Amino acid sequence: MKSLKKYADRNRAIPPDFQPGDKVWLASKNIKTTRPTKKLSERWLGPFEVLKKTGTHAYHLKLPPQWKSVHPVFHVSLLEPLKQSAISN
């Protein structure tokens, strides 16, 4: 059994560790948008601020007031860190 785990873990990436105050993009996989089709909607929403870490792989995000029906805790696989642009204004 340990050898199977070793082979499975070979291609696994270490999940990013976000700190409170970090900005992240949220995958729009499970979020209903106002677009007529999923094909035309954005893949990433945000950026949103991380408020705190909830559990080992979940983060509490600061969502806009219009999204009060959306639960604000998301798995790390649905989040991408915001990369600051090297180009300044």
PDB file of N, CA and C in Angstrom:
ATOM      1  N   MET A   1       0.820  -1.192   0.000  1.00  0.00           N
ATOM      2  CA  MET A   1       0.000   0.000   0.000  1.00  0.00           C
ATOM      3  C   MET A   1       0.872   1.268   0.000  1.00  0.00           C
ATOM      4  N   LYS A   2       2.005   1.224   0.689  1.00  0.00           N
ATOM      5  CA  LYS A   2       2.872   2.400   0.734  1.00  0.00           C
ATOM      6  C   LYS A   2       3.456   2.714  -0.637  1.00  0.00           C
ATOM      7  N   SER A   3       3.729   1.675  -1.422  1.00  0.00           N
ATOM      8  CA  SER A   3       4.285   1.927  -2.750  1.00  0.00           C
ATOM      9  C   SER A   3       3.253   2.606  -3.651  1.00  0.00           C
ATOM     10  N   LEU A   4       1.971   2.265  -3.497  1.00  0.00           N
ATOM     11  CA  LEU A   4       0.926   2.934  -4.275  1.00  0.00           C
ATOM     12  C   LEU A   4       0.841   4.408  -3.906  1.00  0.00           C
ATOM     13  N   LYS A   5       0.933   4.701  -2.619  1.00  0.00           N
ATOM     14  CA  LYS A   5       0.887   6.086  -2.164  1.00  0.00           C
ATOM     15  C   LYS A   5       2.084   6.863  -2.703  1.00  0.00           C
ATOM     16  N   LYS A   6       3.239   6.221  -2.718  1.00  0.00           N
ATOM     17  CA  LYS A   6       4.447   6.878  -3.211  1.00  0.00           C
ATOM     18  C   LYS A   6       4.274   7.282  -4.677  1.00  0.00           C
ATOM     19  N   TYR A   7       3.718   6.391  -5.489  1.00  0.00           N
ATOM     20  CA  TYR A   7       3.511   6.695  -6.901  1.00  0.00           C
ATOM     21  C   TYR A   7       2.423   7.752  -7.102  1.00  0.00           C
ATOM     22  N   ALA A   8       1.402   7.729  -6.278  1.00  0.00           N
ATOM     23  CA  ALA A   8       0.331   8.726  -6.393  1.00  0.00           C
ATOM     24  C   ALA A   8       0.821  10.103  -5.971  1.00  0.00           C
ATOM     25  N   ASP A   9       1.666  10.159  -4.957  1.00  0.00           N
ATOM     26  CA  ASP A   9       2.160  11.440  -4.446  1.00  0.00           C
ATOM     27  C   ASP A   9       3.217  12.072  -5.343  1.00  0.00           C
ATOM     28  N   ARG A  10       3.764  11.308  -6.276  1.00  0.00           N
ATOM     29  CA  ARG A  10       4.816  11.834  -7.140  1.00  0.00           C
ATOM     30  C   ARG A  10       4.377  13.061  -7.928  1.00  0.00           C
ATOM     31  N   ASN A  11       3.154  13.044  -8.425  1.00  0.00           N
ATOM     32  CA  ASN A  11       2.660  14.129  -9.273  1.00  0.00           C
ATOM     33  C   ASN A  11       1.802  15.135  -8.523  1.00  0.00           C
ATOM     34  N   ARG A  12       1.664  14.970  -7.222  1.00  0.00           N
ATOM     35  CA  ARG A  12       0.858  15.899  -6.436  1.00  0.00           C
ATOM     36  C   ARG A  12       1.643  17.153  -6.115  1.00  0.00           C
ATOM     37  N   ALA A  13       0.992  18.268  -6.257  1.00  0.00           N
ATOM     38  CA  ALA A  13       1.632  19.544  -5.935  1.00  0.00           C
ATOM     39  C   ALA A  13       1.262  19.955  -4.514  1.00  0.00           C
ATOM     40  N   ILE A  14       2.157  20.658  -3.865  1.00  0.00           N
ATOM     41  CA  ILE A  14       1.880  21.179  -2.530  1.00  0.00           C
ATOM     42  C   ILE A  14       0.939  22.364  -2.689  1.00  0.00           C
ATOM     43  N   PRO A  15      -0.195  22.373  -1.975  1.00  0.00           N
ATOM     44  CA  PRO A  15      -1.136  23.486  -2.131  1.00  0.00           C
ATOM     45  C   PRO A  15      -0.543  24.789  -1.609  1.00  0.00           C
ATOM     46  N   PRO A  16      -0.847  25.907  -2.254  1.00  0.00           N
ATOM     47  CA  PRO A  16      -0.318  27.184  -1.779  1.00  0.00           C
ATOM     48  C   PRO A  16      -0.884  27.534  -0.409  1.00  0.00           C
ATOM     49  N   ASP A  17      -0.096  28.234   0.373  1.00  0.00           N
ATOM     50  CA  ASP A  17      -0.512  28.635   1.712  1.00  0.00           C
ATOM     51  C   ASP A  17      -0.792  30.136   1.678  1.00  0.00           C
ATOM     52  N   PHE A  18      -2.059  30.513   1.749  1.00  0.00           N
ATOM     53  CA  PHE A  18      -2.443  31.918   1.711  1.00  0.00           C
ATOM     54  C   PHE A  18      -2.508  32.478   3.124  1.00  0.00           C
ATOM     55  N   GLN A  19      -2.125  33.727   3.265  1.00  0.00           N
ATOM     56  CA  GLN A  19      -2.174  34.424   4.546  1.00  0.00           C
ATOM     57  C   GLN A  19      -3.343  35.405   4.523  1.00  0.00           C
ATOM     58  N   PRO A  20      -3.896  35.745   5.700  1.00  0.00           N
ATOM     59  CA  PRO A  20      -4.951  36.772   5.734  1.00  0.00           C
ATOM     60  C   PRO A  20      -4.445  38.071   5.106  1.00  0.00           C
ATOM     61  N   GLY A  21      -5.265  38.635   4.228  1.00  0.00           N
ATOM     62  CA  GLY A  21      -4.886  39.852   3.518  1.00  0.00           C
ATOM     63  C   GLY A  21      -4.415  39.596   2.100  1.00  0.00           C
ATOM     64  N   ASP A  22      -4.052  38.355   1.772  1.00  0.00           N
ATOM     65  CA  ASP A  22      -3.640  38.021   0.409  1.00  0.00           C
ATOM     66  C   ASP A  22      -4.828  38.143  -0.535  1.00  0.00           C
ATOM     67  N   LYS A  23      -4.548  38.463  -1.786  1.00  0.00           N
ATOM     68  CA  LYS A  23      -5.581  38.539  -2.822  1.00  0.00           C
ATOM     69  C   LYS A  23      -5.510  37.277  -3.679  1.00  0.00           C
ATOM     70  N   VAL A  24      -6.685  36.711  -3.979  1.00  0.00           N
ATOM     71  CA  VAL A  24      -6.750  35.480  -4.771  1.00  0.00           C
ATOM     72  C   VAL A  24      -7.845  35.588  -5.821  1.00  0.00           C
ATOM     73  N   TRP A  25      -7.692  34.810  -6.881  1.00  0.00           N
ATOM     74  CA  TRP A  25      -8.723  34.632  -7.892  1.00  0.00           C
ATOM     75  C   TRP A  25      -9.540  33.416  -7.504  1.00  0.00           C
ATOM     76  N   LEU A  26     -10.832  33.447  -7.771  1.00  0.00           N
ATOM     77  CA  LEU A  26     -11.739  32.349  -7.458  1.00  0.00           C
ATOM     78  C   LEU A  26     -12.232  31.722  -8.757  1.00  0.00           C
ATOM     79  N   ALA A  27     -12.110  30.401  -8.879  1.00  0.00           N
ATOM     80  CA  ALA A  27     -12.598  29.689 -10.066  1.00  0.00           C
ATOM     81  C   ALA A  27     -14.117  29.782 -10.112  1.00  0.00           C
ATOM     82  N   SER A  28     -14.651  30.013 -11.292  1.00  0.00           N
ATOM     83  CA  SER A  28     -16.100  30.188 -11.436  1.00  0.00           C
ATOM     84  C   SER A  28     -16.809  28.866 -11.714  1.00  0.00           C
ATOM     85  N   LYS A  29     -16.178  27.749 -11.384  1.00  0.00           N
ATOM     86  CA  LYS A  29     -16.745  26.424 -11.670  1.00  0.00           C
ATOM     87  C   LYS A  29     -18.160  26.254 -11.132  1.00  0.00           C
ATOM     88  N   ASN A  30     -18.379  26.542  -9.860  1.00  0.00           N
ATOM     89  CA  ASN A  30     -19.662  26.259  -9.215  1.00  0.00           C
ATOM     90  C   ASN A  30     -20.478  27.512  -8.923  1.00  0.00           C
ATOM     91  N   ILE A  31     -20.101  28.627  -9.513  1.00  0.00           N
ATOM     92  CA  ILE A  31     -20.790  29.885  -9.231  1.00  0.00           C
ATOM     93  C   ILE A  31     -21.612  30.289 -10.443  1.00  0.00           C
ATOM     94  N   LYS A  32     -22.878  30.519 -10.215  1.00  0.00           N
ATOM     95  CA  LYS A  32     -23.780  30.908 -11.304  1.00  0.00           C
ATOM     96  C   LYS A  32     -23.566  32.388 -11.615  1.00  0.00           C
ATOM     97  N   THR A  33     -23.320  32.680 -12.886  1.00  0.00           N
ATOM     98  CA  THR A  33     -23.134  34.059 -13.319  1.00  0.00           C
ATOM     99  C   THR A  33     -24.339  34.504 -14.139  1.00  0.00           C
ATOM    100  N   THR A  34     -24.338  35.765 -14.536  1.00  0.00           N
ATOM    101  CA  THR A  34     -25.453  36.298 -15.318  1.00  0.00           C
ATOM    102  C   THR A  34     -25.261  36.085 -16.821  1.00  0.00           C
ATOM    103  N   ARG A  35     -24.170  35.458 -17.206  1.00  0.00           N
ATOM    104  CA  ARG A  35     -23.918  35.197 -18.622  1.00  0.00           C
ATOM    105  C   ARG A  35     -24.899  34.156 -19.151  1.00  0.00           C
ATOM    106  N   PRO A  36     -25.267  34.237 -20.432  1.00  0.00           N
ATOM    107  CA  PRO A  36     -26.239  33.289 -20.980  1.00  0.00           C
ATOM    108  C   PRO A  36     -25.712  31.848 -21.029  1.00  0.00           C
ATOM    109  N   THR A  37     -24.406  31.676 -21.248  1.00  0.00           N
ATOM    110  CA  THR A  37     -23.835  30.330 -21.270  1.00  0.00           C
ATOM    111  C   THR A  37     -22.553  30.307 -20.455  1.00  0.00           C
ATOM    112  N   LYS A  38     -22.205  29.126 -19.987  1.00  0.00           N
ATOM    113  CA  LYS A  38     -20.975  28.949 -19.211  1.00  0.00           C
ATOM    114  C   LYS A  38     -19.748  29.223 -20.080  1.00  0.00           C
ATOM    115  N   LYS A  39     -19.865  28.942 -21.363  1.00  0.00           N
ATOM    116  CA  LYS A  39     -18.754  29.121 -22.293  1.00  0.00           C
ATOM    117  C   LYS A  39     -18.317  30.587 -22.378  1.00  0.00           C
ATOM    118  N   LEU A  40     -19.263  31.504 -22.242  1.00  0.00           N
ATOM    119  CA  LEU A  40     -18.957  32.925 -22.379  1.00  0.00           C
ATOM    120  C   LEU A  40     -18.593  33.603 -21.060  1.00  0.00           C
ATOM    121  N   SER A  41     -18.719  32.895 -19.959  1.00  0.00           N
ATOM    122  CA  SER A  41     -18.436  33.531 -18.669  1.00  0.00           C
ATOM    123  C   SER A  41     -16.943  33.470 -18.349  1.00  0.00           C
ATOM    124  N   GLU A  42     -16.521  34.308 -17.420  1.00  0.00           N
ATOM    125  CA  GLU A  42     -15.126  34.362 -17.019  1.00  0.00           C
ATOM    126  C   GLU A  42     -14.755  33.081 -16.281  1.00  0.00           C
ATOM    127  N   ARG A  43     -13.518  32.652 -16.426  1.00  0.00           N
ATOM    128  CA  ARG A  43     -13.068  31.453 -15.714  1.00  0.00           C
ATOM    129  C   ARG A  43     -12.673  31.774 -14.285  1.00  0.00           C
ATOM    130  N   TRP A  44     -12.159  32.969 -14.059  1.00  0.00           N
ATOM    131  CA  TRP A  44     -11.705  33.384 -12.735  1.00  0.00           C
ATOM    132  C   TRP A  44     -12.423  34.658 -12.336  1.00  0.00           C
ATOM    133  N   LEU A  45     -12.894  34.701 -11.114  1.00  0.00           N
ATOM    134  CA  LEU A  45     -13.601  35.860 -10.581  1.00  0.00           C
ATOM    135  C   LEU A  45     -12.742  36.513  -9.508  1.00  0.00           C
ATOM    136  N   GLY A  46     -12.904  37.816  -9.359  1.00  0.00           N
ATOM    137  CA  GLY A  46     -12.171  38.479  -8.275  1.00  0.00           C
ATOM    138  C   GLY A  46     -11.300  39.590  -8.789  1.00  0.00           C
ATOM    139  N   PRO A  47     -10.271  39.896  -8.088  1.00  0.00           N
ATOM    140  CA  PRO A  47      -9.650  39.216  -6.948  1.00  0.00           C
ATOM    141  C   PRO A  47     -10.382  39.495  -5.631  1.00  0.00           C
ATOM    142  N   PHE A  48     -10.290  38.522  -4.723  1.00  0.00           N
ATOM    143  CA  PHE A  48     -10.908  38.616  -3.407  1.00  0.00           C
ATOM    144  C   PHE A  48      -9.837  38.516  -2.334  1.00  0.00           C
ATOM    145  N   GLU A  49     -10.137  39.083  -1.183  1.00  0.00           N
ATOM    146  CA  GLU A  49      -9.196  39.071  -0.063  1.00  0.00           C
ATOM    147  C   GLU A  49      -9.441  37.843   0.812  1.00  0.00           C
ATOM    148  N   VAL A  50      -8.350  37.199   1.228  1.00  0.00           N
ATOM    149  CA  VAL A  50      -8.437  36.070   2.154  1.00  0.00           C
ATOM    150  C   VAL A  50      -8.593  36.631   3.560  1.00  0.00           C
ATOM    151  N   LEU A  51      -9.642  36.202   4.271  1.00  0.00           N
ATOM    152  CA  LEU A  51      -9.856  36.658   5.641  1.00  0.00           C
ATOM    153  C   LEU A  51      -9.174  35.749   6.649  1.00  0.00           C
ATOM    154  N   LYS A  52      -9.330  34.423   6.457  1.00  0.00           N
ATOM    155  CA  LYS A  52      -8.682  33.480   7.374  1.00  0.00           C
ATOM    156  C   LYS A  52      -8.667  32.091   6.760  1.00  0.00           C
ATOM    157  N   LYS A  53      -7.822  31.246   7.340  1.00  0.00           N
ATOM    158  CA  LYS A  53      -7.751  29.848   6.924  1.00  0.00           C
ATOM    159  C   LYS A  53      -8.735  29.062   7.772  1.00  0.00           C
ATOM    160  N   THR A  54      -9.591  28.286   7.112  1.00  0.00           N
ATOM    161  CA  THR A  54     -10.603  27.498   7.803  1.00  0.00           C
ATOM    162  C   THR A  54     -10.312  26.033   7.514  1.00  0.00           C
ATOM    163  N   GLY A  55      -9.760  25.312   8.442  1.00  0.00           N
ATOM    164  CA  GLY A  55      -9.395  23.919   8.211  1.00  0.00           C
ATOM    165  C   GLY A  55      -8.040  23.819   7.537  1.00  0.00           C
ATOM    166  N   THR A  56      -7.751  22.648   6.986  1.00  0.00           N
ATOM    167  CA  THR A  56      -6.433  22.435   6.394  1.00  0.00           C
ATOM    168  C   THR A  56      -6.343  22.877   4.939  1.00  0.00           C
ATOM    169  N   HIS A  57      -7.456  22.810   4.204  1.00  0.00           N
ATOM    170  CA  HIS A  57      -7.427  23.143   2.779  1.00  0.00           C
ATOM    171  C   HIS A  57      -8.539  24.102   2.365  1.00  0.00           C
ATOM    172  N   ALA A  58      -9.065  24.880   3.289  1.00  0.00           N
ATOM    173  CA  ALA A  58     -10.167  25.791   2.975  1.00  0.00           C
ATOM    174  C   ALA A  58      -9.848  27.194   3.470  1.00  0.00           C
ATOM    175  N   TYR A  59     -10.359  28.186   2.740  1.00  0.00           N
ATOM    176  CA  TYR A  59     -10.114  29.588   3.079  1.00  0.00           C
ATOM    177  C   TYR A  59     -11.415  30.370   3.046  1.00  0.00           C
ATOM    178  N   HIS A  60     -11.533  31.294   3.980  1.00  0.00           N
ATOM    179  CA  HIS A  60     -12.691  32.186   4.090  1.00  0.00           C
ATOM    180  C   HIS A  60     -12.347  33.455   3.312  1.00  0.00           C
ATOM    181  N   LEU A  61     -13.163  33.810   2.319  1.00  0.00           N
ATOM    182  CA  LEU A  61     -12.902  34.982   1.478  1.00  0.00           C
ATOM    183  C   LEU A  61     -13.874  36.106   1.782  1.00  0.00           C
ATOM    184  N   LYS A  62     -13.432  37.326   1.529  1.00  0.00           N
ATOM    185  CA  LYS A  62     -14.294  38.502   1.659  1.00  0.00           C
ATOM    186  C   LYS A  62     -14.984  38.707   0.307  1.00  0.00           C
ATOM    187  N   LEU A  63     -16.257  38.333   0.248  1.00  0.00           N
ATOM    188  CA  LEU A  63     -17.029  38.431  -0.991  1.00  0.00           C
ATOM    189  C   LEU A  63     -17.831  39.726  -1.012  1.00  0.00           C
ATOM    190  N   PRO A  64     -18.199  40.214  -2.199  1.00  0.00           N
ATOM    191  CA  PRO A  64     -19.009  41.430  -2.282  1.00  0.00           C
ATOM    192  C   PRO A  64     -20.411  41.201  -1.712  1.00  0.00           C
ATOM    193  N   PRO A  65     -21.085  42.274  -1.273  1.00  0.00           N
ATOM    194  CA  PRO A  65     -22.424  42.139  -0.682  1.00  0.00           C
ATOM    195  C   PRO A  65     -23.460  41.519  -1.629  1.00  0.00           C
ATOM    196  N   GLN A  66     -23.282  41.651  -2.943  1.00  0.00           N
ATOM    197  CA  GLN A  66     -24.231  41.076  -3.901  1.00  0.00           C
ATOM    198  C   GLN A  66     -24.210  39.547  -3.857  1.00  0.00           C
ATOM    199  N   TRP A  67     -23.164  38.963  -3.321  1.00  0.00           N
ATOM    200  CA  TRP A  67     -22.999  37.516  -3.287  1.00  0.00           C
ATOM    201  C   TRP A  67     -23.388  36.937  -1.938  1.00  0.00           C
ATOM    202  N   LYS A  68     -24.385  37.505  -1.278  1.00  0.00           N
ATOM    203  CA  LYS A  68     -24.732  37.030   0.059  1.00  0.00           C
ATOM    204  C   LYS A  68     -25.305  35.615   0.050  1.00  0.00           C
ATOM    205  N   SER A  69     -25.732  35.109  -1.096  1.00  0.00           N
ATOM    206  CA  SER A  69     -26.248  33.740  -1.166  1.00  0.00           C
ATOM    207  C   SER A  69     -25.131  32.708  -1.378  1.00  0.00           C
ATOM    208  N   VAL A  70     -23.891  33.175  -1.612  1.00  0.00           N
ATOM    209  CA  VAL A  70     -22.758  32.273  -1.840  1.00  0.00           C
ATOM    210  C   VAL A  70     -22.005  32.079  -0.530  1.00  0.00           C
ATOM    211  N   HIS A  71     -21.761  30.826  -0.154  1.00  0.00           N
ATOM    212  CA  HIS A  71     -21.002  30.516   1.059  1.00  0.00           C
ATOM    213  C   HIS A  71     -19.557  30.978   0.859  1.00  0.00           C
ATOM    214  N   PRO A  72     -18.964  31.742   1.800  1.00  0.00           N
ATOM    215  CA  PRO A  72     -17.659  32.364   1.571  1.00  0.00           C
ATOM    216  C   PRO A  72     -16.442  31.483   1.834  1.00  0.00           C
ATOM    217  N   VAL A  73     -16.606  30.185   2.072  1.00  0.00           N
ATOM    218  CA  VAL A  73     -15.466  29.300   2.329  1.00  0.00           C
ATOM    219  C   VAL A  73     -15.241  28.420   1.103  1.00  0.00           C
ATOM    220  N   PHE A  74     -13.979  28.421   0.602  1.00  0.00           N
ATOM    221  CA  PHE A  74     -13.662  27.711  -0.634  1.00  0.00           C
ATOM    222  C   PHE A  74     -12.432  26.834  -0.453  1.00  0.00           C
ATOM    223  N   HIS A  75     -12.412  25.704  -1.160  1.00  0.00           N
ATOM    224  CA  HIS A  75     -11.268  24.797  -1.145  1.00  0.00           C
ATOM    225  C   HIS A  75     -10.107  25.445  -1.893  1.00  0.00           C
ATOM    226  N   VAL A  76      -8.900  25.104  -1.481  1.00  0.00           N
ATOM    227  CA  VAL A  76      -7.701  25.699  -2.062  1.00  0.00           C
ATOM    228  C   VAL A  76      -7.577  25.392  -3.558  1.00  0.00           C
ATOM    229  N   SER A  77      -8.164  24.307  -4.032  1.00  0.00           N
ATOM    230  CA  SER A  77      -8.087  23.972  -5.457  1.00  0.00           C
ATOM    231  C   SER A  77      -8.878  24.949  -6.325  1.00  0.00           C
ATOM    232  N   LEU A  78      -9.791  25.723  -5.729  1.00  0.00           N
ATOM    233  CA  LEU A  78     -10.576  26.709  -6.477  1.00  0.00           C
ATOM    234  C   LEU A  78      -9.954  28.096  -6.439  1.00  0.00           C
ATOM    235  N   LEU A  79      -8.791  28.240  -5.804  1.00  0.00           N
ATOM    236  CA  LEU A  79      -8.158  29.544  -5.633  1.00  0.00           C
ATOM    237  C   LEU A  79      -6.823  29.599  -6.361  1.00  0.00           C
ATOM    238  N   GLU A  80      -6.518  30.770  -6.904  1.00  0.00           N
ATOM    239  CA  GLU A  80      -5.227  31.039  -7.532  1.00  0.00           C
ATOM    240  C   GLU A  80      -4.689  32.330  -6.946  1.00  0.00           C
ATOM    241  N   PRO A  81      -3.407  32.385  -6.619  1.00  0.00           N
ATOM    242  CA  PRO A  81      -2.862  33.630  -6.070  1.00  0.00           C
ATOM    243  C   PRO A  81      -2.837  34.733  -7.127  1.00  0.00           C
ATOM    244  N   LEU A  82      -3.049  35.955  -6.683  1.00  0.00           N
ATOM    245  CA  LEU A  82      -2.982  37.114  -7.574  1.00  0.00           C
ATOM    246  C   LEU A  82      -1.523  37.468  -7.779  1.00  0.00           C
ATOM    247  N   LYS A  83      -1.103  37.503  -9.023  1.00  0.00           N
ATOM    248  CA  LYS A  83       0.276  37.871  -9.338  1.00  0.00           C
ATOM    249  C   LYS A  83       0.280  39.333  -9.762  1.00  0.00           C
ATOM    250  N   GLN A  84       1.062  40.129  -9.081  1.00  0.00           N
ATOM    251  CA  GLN A  84       1.146  41.550  -9.400  1.00  0.00           C
ATOM    252  C   GLN A  84       1.860  41.735 -10.738  1.00  0.00           C
ATOM    253  N   SER A  85       1.385  42.665 -11.522  1.00  0.00           N
ATOM    254  CA  SER A  85       1.964  42.941 -12.829  1.00  0.00           C
ATOM    255  C   SER A  85       3.305  43.652 -12.677  1.00  0.00           C
ATOM    256  N   ALA A  86       4.252  43.285 -13.522  1.00  0.00           N
ATOM    257  CA  ALA A  86       5.560  43.936 -13.506  1.00  0.00           C
ATOM    258  C   ALA A  86       5.494  45.294 -14.200  1.00  0.00           C
ATOM    259  N   ILE A  87       4.431  45.525 -14.965  1.00  0.00           N
ATOM    260  CA  ILE A  87       4.262  46.785 -15.679  1.00  0.00           C
ATOM    261  C   ILE A  87       3.550  47.765 -14.757  1.00  0.00           C
ATOM    262  N   SER A  88       4.158  48.903 -14.533  1.00  0.00           N
ATOM    263  CA  SER A  88       3.515  49.911 -13.684  1.00  0.00           C
ATOM    264  C   SER A  88       2.882  50.970 -14.572  1.00  0.00           C
ATOM    265  N   ASN A  89       1.674  51.347 -14.249  1.00  0.00           N
ATOM    266  CA  ASN A  89       0.871  52.338 -14.984  1.00  0.00           C
ATOM    267  C   ASN A  89       1.584  52.818 -16.196  1.00  0.00           C
TER     268      ASN A  89
END
